[in-house]
PDB file of all heavy atoms in Angstrom:
ATOM      1  N   ALA A   1      -2.903 -13.527  28.543  1.00  0.00           N
ATOM      2  CA  ALA A   1      -3.737 -13.296  27.333  1.00  0.00           C
ATOM      3  C   ALA A   1      -3.985 -14.561  26.537  1.00  0.00           C
ATOM      4  O   ALA A   1      -5.080 -14.832  26.032  1.00  0.00           O
ATOM      5  CB  ALA A   1      -3.060 -12.198  26.462  1.00  0.00           C
ATOM      6  N   ASP A   2      -2.941 -15.376  26.401  1.00  0.00           N
ATOM      7  CA  ASP A   2      -3.104 -16.687  25.645  1.00  0.00           C
ATOM      8  C   ASP A   2      -4.020 -17.578  26.437  1.00  0.00           C
ATOM      9  O   ASP A   2      -4.902 -18.225  25.805  1.00  0.00           O
ATOM     10  CB  ASP A   2      -1.741 -17.343  25.384  1.00  0.00           C
ATOM     11  CG  ASP A   2      -1.899 -18.537  24.504  1.00  0.00           C
ATOM     12  OD1 ASP A   2      -2.219 -18.341  23.305  1.00  0.00           O
ATOM     13  OD2 ASP A   2      -1.782 -19.655  24.976  1.00  0.00           O
ATOM     14  N   PHE A   3      -3.845 -17.728  27.748  1.00  0.00           N
ATOM     15  CA  PHE A   3      -4.763 -18.571  28.523  1.00  0.00           C
ATOM     16  C   PHE A   3      -6.191 -18.122  28.380  1.00  0.00           C
ATOM     17  O   PHE A   3      -7.091 -18.905  28.189  1.00  0.00           O
ATOM     18  CB  PHE A   3      -4.267 -18.485  30.034  1.00  0.00           C
ATOM     19  CG  PHE A   3      -5.066 -19.419  30.866  1.00  0.00           C
ATOM     20  CD1 PHE A   3      -4.652 -20.767  31.053  1.00  0.00           C
ATOM     21  CD2 PHE A   3      -6.231 -19.028  31.514  1.00  0.00           C
ATOM     22  CE1 PHE A   3      -5.375 -21.647  31.860  1.00  0.00           C
ATOM     23  CE2 PHE A   3      -6.905 -19.886  32.337  1.00  0.00           C
ATOM     24  CZ  PHE A   3      -6.491 -21.206  32.511  1.00  0.00           C
ATOM     25  N   ASP A   4      -6.394 -16.791  28.490  1.00  0.00           N
ATOM     26  CA  ASP A   4      -7.775 -16.264  28.422  1.00  0.00           C
ATOM     27  C   ASP A   4      -8.343 -16.504  27.005  1.00  0.00           C
ATOM     28  O   ASP A   4      -9.564 -16.747  26.897  1.00  0.00           O
ATOM     29  CB  ASP A   4      -7.772 -14.757  28.652  1.00  0.00           C
ATOM     30  CG  ASP A   4      -7.449 -14.432  30.165  1.00  0.00           C
ATOM     31  OD1 ASP A   4      -7.538 -15.370  30.982  1.00  0.00           O
ATOM     32  OD2 ASP A   4      -7.146 -13.255  30.415  1.00  0.00           O
ATOM     33  N   ARG A   5      -7.562 -16.417  26.019  1.00  0.00           N
ATOM     34  CA  ARG A   5      -8.012 -16.594  24.601  1.00  0.00           C
ATOM     35  C   ARG A   5      -8.513 -18.053  24.424  1.00  0.00           C
ATOM     36  O   ARG A   5      -9.606 -18.271  23.865  1.00  0.00           O
ATOM     37  CB  ARG A   5      -6.938 -16.290  23.569  1.00  0.00           C
ATOM     38  CG  ARG A   5      -7.375 -16.368  22.140  1.00  0.00           C
ATOM     39  CD  ARG A   5      -6.264 -15.858  21.240  1.00  0.00           C
ATOM     40  NE  ARG A   5      -5.089 -16.688  21.268  1.00  0.00           N
ATOM     41  CZ  ARG A   5      -4.888 -17.724  20.412  1.00  0.00           C
ATOM     42  NH1 ARG A   5      -5.749 -17.970  19.466  1.00  0.00           N
ATOM     43  NH2 ARG A   5      -3.781 -18.433  20.487  1.00  0.00           N
ATOM     44  N   VAL A   6      -7.760 -19.043  24.918  1.00  0.00           N
ATOM     45  CA  VAL A   6      -8.160 -20.435  24.806  1.00  0.00           C
ATOM     46  C   VAL A   6      -9.479 -20.668  25.634  1.00  0.00           C
ATOM     47  O   VAL A   6     -10.349 -21.378  25.138  1.00  0.00           O
ATOM     48  CB  VAL A   6      -7.043 -21.320  25.286  1.00  0.00           C
ATOM     49  CG1 VAL A   6      -7.516 -22.814  25.316  1.00  0.00           C
ATOM     50  CG2 VAL A   6      -5.833 -21.166  24.375  1.00  0.00           C
ATOM     51  N   MET A   7      -9.502 -20.081  26.813  1.00  0.00           N
ATOM     52  CA  MET A   7     -10.719 -20.368  27.610  1.00  0.00           C
ATOM     53  C   MET A   7     -11.918 -19.666  27.032  1.00  0.00           C
ATOM     54  O   MET A   7     -13.055 -20.220  27.095  1.00  0.00           O
ATOM     55  CB  MET A   7     -10.499 -19.824  29.004  1.00  0.00           C
ATOM     56  CG  MET A   7      -9.371 -20.576  29.780  1.00  0.00           C
ATOM     57  SD  MET A   7      -9.645 -22.301  30.117  1.00  0.00           S
ATOM     58  CE  MET A   7     -10.826 -22.233  31.434  1.00  0.00           C
ATOM     59  N   ALA A   8     -11.701 -18.526  26.372  1.00  0.00           N
ATOM     60  CA  ALA A   8     -12.831 -17.792  25.785  1.00  0.00           C
ATOM     61  C   ALA A   8     -13.487 -18.609  24.680  1.00  0.00           C
ATOM     62  O   ALA A   8     -14.707 -18.676  24.530  1.00  0.00           O
ATOM     63  CB  ALA A   8     -12.359 -16.459  25.235  1.00  0.00           C
ATOM     64  N   VAL A   9     -12.667 -19.262  23.844  1.00  0.00           N
ATOM     65  CA  VAL A   9     -13.239 -20.035  22.734  1.00  0.00           C
ATOM     66  C   VAL A   9     -13.685 -21.394  23.213  1.00  0.00           C
ATOM     67  O   VAL A   9     -14.782 -21.825  22.977  1.00  0.00           O
ATOM     68  CB  VAL A   9     -12.115 -20.185  21.607  1.00  0.00           C
ATOM     69  CG1 VAL A   9     -12.686 -21.079  20.507  1.00  0.00           C
ATOM     70  CG2 VAL A   9     -11.746 -18.839  21.031  1.00  0.00           C
ATOM     71  N   ASN A  10     -12.797 -22.102  23.847  1.00  0.00           N
ATOM     72  CA  ASN A  10     -13.088 -23.543  24.181  1.00  0.00           C
ATOM     73  C   ASN A  10     -14.121 -23.741  25.347  1.00  0.00           C
ATOM     74  O   ASN A  10     -14.717 -24.781  25.411  1.00  0.00           O
ATOM     75  CB  ASN A  10     -11.787 -24.301  24.581  1.00  0.00           C
ATOM     76  CG  ASN A  10     -10.843 -24.387  23.393  1.00  0.00           C
ATOM     77  OD1 ASN A  10     -11.120 -23.892  22.324  1.00  0.00           O
ATOM     78  ND2 ASN A  10      -9.715 -25.006  23.607  1.00  0.00           N
ATOM     79  N   VAL A  11     -14.171 -22.739  26.273  1.00  0.00           N
ATOM     80  CA  VAL A  11     -15.113 -22.911  27.374  1.00  0.00           C
ATOM     81  C   VAL A  11     -16.309 -21.965  27.208  1.00  0.00           C
ATOM     82  O   VAL A  11     -17.438 -22.366  27.160  1.00  0.00           O
ATOM     83  CB  VAL A  11     -14.392 -22.687  28.738  1.00  0.00           C
ATOM     84  CG1 VAL A  11     -15.383 -22.912  29.872  1.00  0.00           C
ATOM     85  CG2 VAL A  11     -13.236 -23.649  28.850  1.00  0.00           C
ATOM     86  N   ARG A  12     -16.030 -20.613  27.158  1.00  0.00           N
ATOM     87  CA  ARG A  12     -17.111 -19.686  26.981  1.00  0.00           C
ATOM     88  C   ARG A  12     -17.903 -19.980  25.692  1.00  0.00           C
ATOM     89  O   ARG A  12     -19.116 -19.947  25.698  1.00  0.00           O
ATOM     90  CB  ARG A  12     -16.531 -18.236  26.933  1.00  0.00           C
ATOM     91  CG  ARG A  12     -17.615 -17.147  26.591  1.00  0.00           C
ATOM     92  CD  ARG A  12     -16.877 -15.804  26.450  1.00  0.00           C
ATOM     93  NE  ARG A  12     -17.769 -14.813  25.815  1.00  0.00           N
ATOM     94  CZ  ARG A  12     -18.630 -14.055  26.443  1.00  0.00           C
ATOM     95  NH1 ARG A  12     -18.773 -14.131  27.803  1.00  0.00           N
ATOM     96  NH2 ARG A  12     -19.349 -13.188  25.827  1.00  0.00           N
ATOM     97  N   GLY A  13     -17.113 -20.293  24.647  1.00  0.00           N
ATOM     98  CA  GLY A  13     -17.832 -20.586  23.323  1.00  0.00           C
ATOM     99  C   GLY A  13     -18.769 -21.742  23.451  1.00  0.00           C
ATOM    100  O   GLY A  13     -19.872 -21.785  22.920  1.00  0.00           O
ATOM    101  N   GLN A  14     -18.258 -22.834  24.122  1.00  0.00           N
ATOM    102  CA  GLN A  14     -19.161 -24.002  24.272  1.00  0.00           C
ATOM    103  C   GLN A  14     -20.296 -23.756  25.198  1.00  0.00           C
ATOM    104  O   GLN A  14     -21.395 -24.230  24.983  1.00  0.00           O
ATOM    105  CB  GLN A  14     -18.335 -25.187  24.795  1.00  0.00           C
ATOM    106  CG  GLN A  14     -17.112 -25.605  23.918  1.00  0.00           C
ATOM    107  CD  GLN A  14     -17.501 -26.031  22.541  1.00  0.00           C
ATOM    108  OE1 GLN A  14     -18.388 -25.525  21.866  1.00  0.00           O
ATOM    109  NE2 GLN A  14     -16.816 -27.098  22.066  1.00  0.00           N
ATOM    110  N   PHE A  15     -20.080 -22.936  26.206  1.00  0.00           N
ATOM    111  CA  PHE A  15     -21.185 -22.520  27.090  1.00  0.00           C
ATOM    112  C   PHE A  15     -22.265 -21.797  26.321  1.00  0.00           C
ATOM    113  O   PHE A  15     -23.466 -22.074  26.447  1.00  0.00           O
ATOM    114  CB  PHE A  15     -20.693 -21.695  28.271  1.00  0.00           C
ATOM    115  CG  PHE A  15     -21.748 -20.853  28.908  1.00  0.00           C
ATOM    116  CD1 PHE A  15     -22.749 -21.379  29.619  1.00  0.00           C
ATOM    117  CD2 PHE A  15     -21.743 -19.457  28.653  1.00  0.00           C
ATOM    118  CE1 PHE A  15     -23.784 -20.550  30.140  1.00  0.00           C
ATOM    119  CE2 PHE A  15     -22.732 -18.654  29.183  1.00  0.00           C
ATOM    120  CZ  PHE A  15     -23.736 -19.197  29.967  1.00  0.00           C
ATOM    121  N   LEU A  16     -21.825 -20.782  25.559  1.00  0.00           N
ATOM    122  CA  LEU A  16     -22.816 -20.028  24.810  1.00  0.00           C
ATOM    123  C   LEU A  16     -23.594 -20.927  23.771  1.00  0.00           C
ATOM    124  O   LEU A  16     -24.773 -20.739  23.601  1.00  0.00           O
ATOM    125  CB  LEU A  16     -22.073 -18.893  24.014  1.00  0.00           C
ATOM    126  CG  LEU A  16     -21.533 -17.762  24.861  1.00  0.00           C
ATOM    127  CD1 LEU A  16     -20.662 -16.789  24.039  1.00  0.00           C
ATOM    128  CD2 LEU A  16     -22.600 -17.017  25.643  1.00  0.00           C
ATOM    129  N   GLY A  17     -22.881 -21.859  23.168  1.00  0.00           N
ATOM    130  CA  GLY A  17     -23.573 -22.764  22.278  1.00  0.00           C
ATOM    131  C   GLY A  17     -24.542 -23.650  22.974  1.00  0.00           C
ATOM    132  O   GLY A  17     -25.651 -23.896  22.474  1.00  0.00           O
ATOM    133  N   LEU A  18     -24.161 -24.145  24.128  1.00  0.00           N
ATOM    134  CA  LEU A  18     -25.084 -25.018  24.974  1.00  0.00           C
ATOM    135  C   LEU A  18     -26.285 -24.170  25.384  1.00  0.00           C
ATOM    136  O   LEU A  18     -27.421 -24.616  25.285  1.00  0.00           O
ATOM    137  CB  LEU A  18     -24.363 -25.535  26.159  1.00  0.00           C
ATOM    138  CG  LEU A  18     -23.526 -26.768  25.954  1.00  0.00           C
ATOM    139  CD1 LEU A  18     -22.611 -27.095  27.168  1.00  0.00           C
ATOM    140  CD2 LEU A  18     -24.417 -28.028  25.725  1.00  0.00           C
ATOM    141  N   ARG A  19     -26.020 -23.009  25.957  1.00  0.00           N
ATOM    142  CA  ARG A  19     -27.127 -22.166  26.360  1.00  0.00           C
ATOM    143  C   ARG A  19     -28.067 -21.807  25.243  1.00  0.00           C
ATOM    144  O   ARG A  19     -29.299 -21.887  25.404  1.00  0.00           O
ATOM    145  CB  ARG A  19     -26.597 -20.866  26.990  1.00  0.00           C
ATOM    146  CG  ARG A  19     -27.655 -20.052  27.733  1.00  0.00           C
ATOM    147  CD  ARG A  19     -27.085 -18.704  28.198  1.00  0.00           C
ATOM    148  NE  ARG A  19     -26.755 -17.840  27.141  1.00  0.00           N
ATOM    149  CZ  ARG A  19     -26.330 -16.558  27.270  1.00  0.00           C
ATOM    150  NH1 ARG A  19     -26.182 -16.101  28.526  1.00  0.00           N
ATOM    151  NH2 ARG A  19     -26.085 -15.811  26.213  1.00  0.00           N
ATOM    152  N   GLY A  20     -27.529 -21.489  24.097  1.00  0.00           N
ATOM    153  CA  GLY A  20     -28.334 -21.150  22.941  1.00  0.00           C
ATOM    154  C   GLY A  20     -29.173 -22.303  22.453  1.00  0.00           C
ATOM    155  O   GLY A  20     -30.367 -22.171  22.172  1.00  0.00           O
ATOM    156  N   ALA A  21     -28.590 -23.547  22.538  1.00  0.00           N
ATOM    157  CA  ALA A  21     -29.355 -24.744  22.167  1.00  0.00           C
ATOM    158  C   ALA A  21     -30.497 -24.982  23.107  1.00  0.00           C
ATOM    159  O   ALA A  21     -31.642 -25.217  22.687  1.00  0.00           O
ATOM    160  CB  ALA A  21     -28.437 -25.959  22.118  1.00  0.00           C
ATOM    161  N   PHE A  22     -30.277 -24.805  24.409  1.00  0.00           N
ATOM    162  CA  PHE A  22     -31.337 -25.046  25.388  1.00  0.00           C
ATOM    163  C   PHE A  22     -32.442 -23.983  25.254  1.00  0.00           C
ATOM    164  O   PHE A  22     -33.639 -24.258  25.357  1.00  0.00           O
ATOM    165  CB  PHE A  22     -30.760 -25.031  26.799  1.00  0.00           C
ATOM    166  CG  PHE A  22     -30.313 -26.383  27.249  1.00  0.00           C
ATOM    167  CD1 PHE A  22     -29.032 -26.900  26.965  1.00  0.00           C
ATOM    168  CD2 PHE A  22     -31.123 -27.252  27.949  1.00  0.00           C
ATOM    169  CE1 PHE A  22     -28.604 -28.144  27.333  1.00  0.00           C
ATOM    170  CE2 PHE A  22     -30.724 -28.517  28.370  1.00  0.00           C
ATOM    171  CZ  PHE A  22     -29.469 -28.985  28.082  1.00  0.00           C
ATOM    172  N   ARG A  23     -32.027 -22.744  25.033  1.00  0.00           N
ATOM    173  CA  ARG A  23     -33.065 -21.713  24.790  1.00  0.00           C
ATOM    174  C   ARG A  23     -33.881 -21.970  23.585  1.00  0.00           C
ATOM    175  O   ARG A  23     -35.071 -21.770  23.607  1.00  0.00           O
ATOM    176  CB  ARG A  23     -32.323 -20.321  24.658  1.00  0.00           C
ATOM    177  CG  ARG A  23     -31.811 -19.802  25.963  1.00  0.00           C
ATOM    178  CD  ARG A  23     -31.057 -18.431  25.751  1.00  0.00           C
ATOM    179  NE  ARG A  23     -30.671 -17.876  26.993  1.00  0.00           N
ATOM    180  CZ  ARG A  23     -30.040 -16.683  27.154  1.00  0.00           C
ATOM    181  NH1 ARG A  23     -29.624 -16.008  26.032  1.00  0.00           N
ATOM    182  NH2 ARG A  23     -29.717 -16.237  28.327  1.00  0.00           N
ATOM    183  N   ARG A  24     -33.246 -22.495  22.521  1.00  0.00           N
ATOM    184  CA  ARG A  24     -33.985 -22.831  21.322  1.00  0.00           C
ATOM    185  C   ARG A  24     -34.983 -23.944  21.575  1.00  0.00           C
ATOM    186  O   ARG A  24     -36.169 -23.915  21.153  1.00  0.00           O
ATOM    187  CB  ARG A  24     -33.043 -23.172  20.182  1.00  0.00           C
ATOM    188  CG  ARG A  24     -33.671 -23.667  18.929  1.00  0.00           C
ATOM    189  CD  ARG A  24     -34.019 -22.645  17.927  1.00  0.00           C
ATOM    190  NE  ARG A  24     -34.706 -21.424  18.317  1.00  0.00           N
ATOM    191  CZ  ARG A  24     -35.970 -21.173  18.050  1.00  0.00           C
ATOM    192  NH1 ARG A  24     -36.723 -22.067  17.463  1.00  0.00           N
ATOM    193  NH2 ARG A  24     -36.507 -19.979  18.357  1.00  0.00           N
TER     194      ARG A  24
END
């Protein structure tokens, strides 16, 4: 659960931010 939480924020979160920036 802790591993998943870190990956969710630090990796998924950055992916979503990158994807959102490119879409914009």
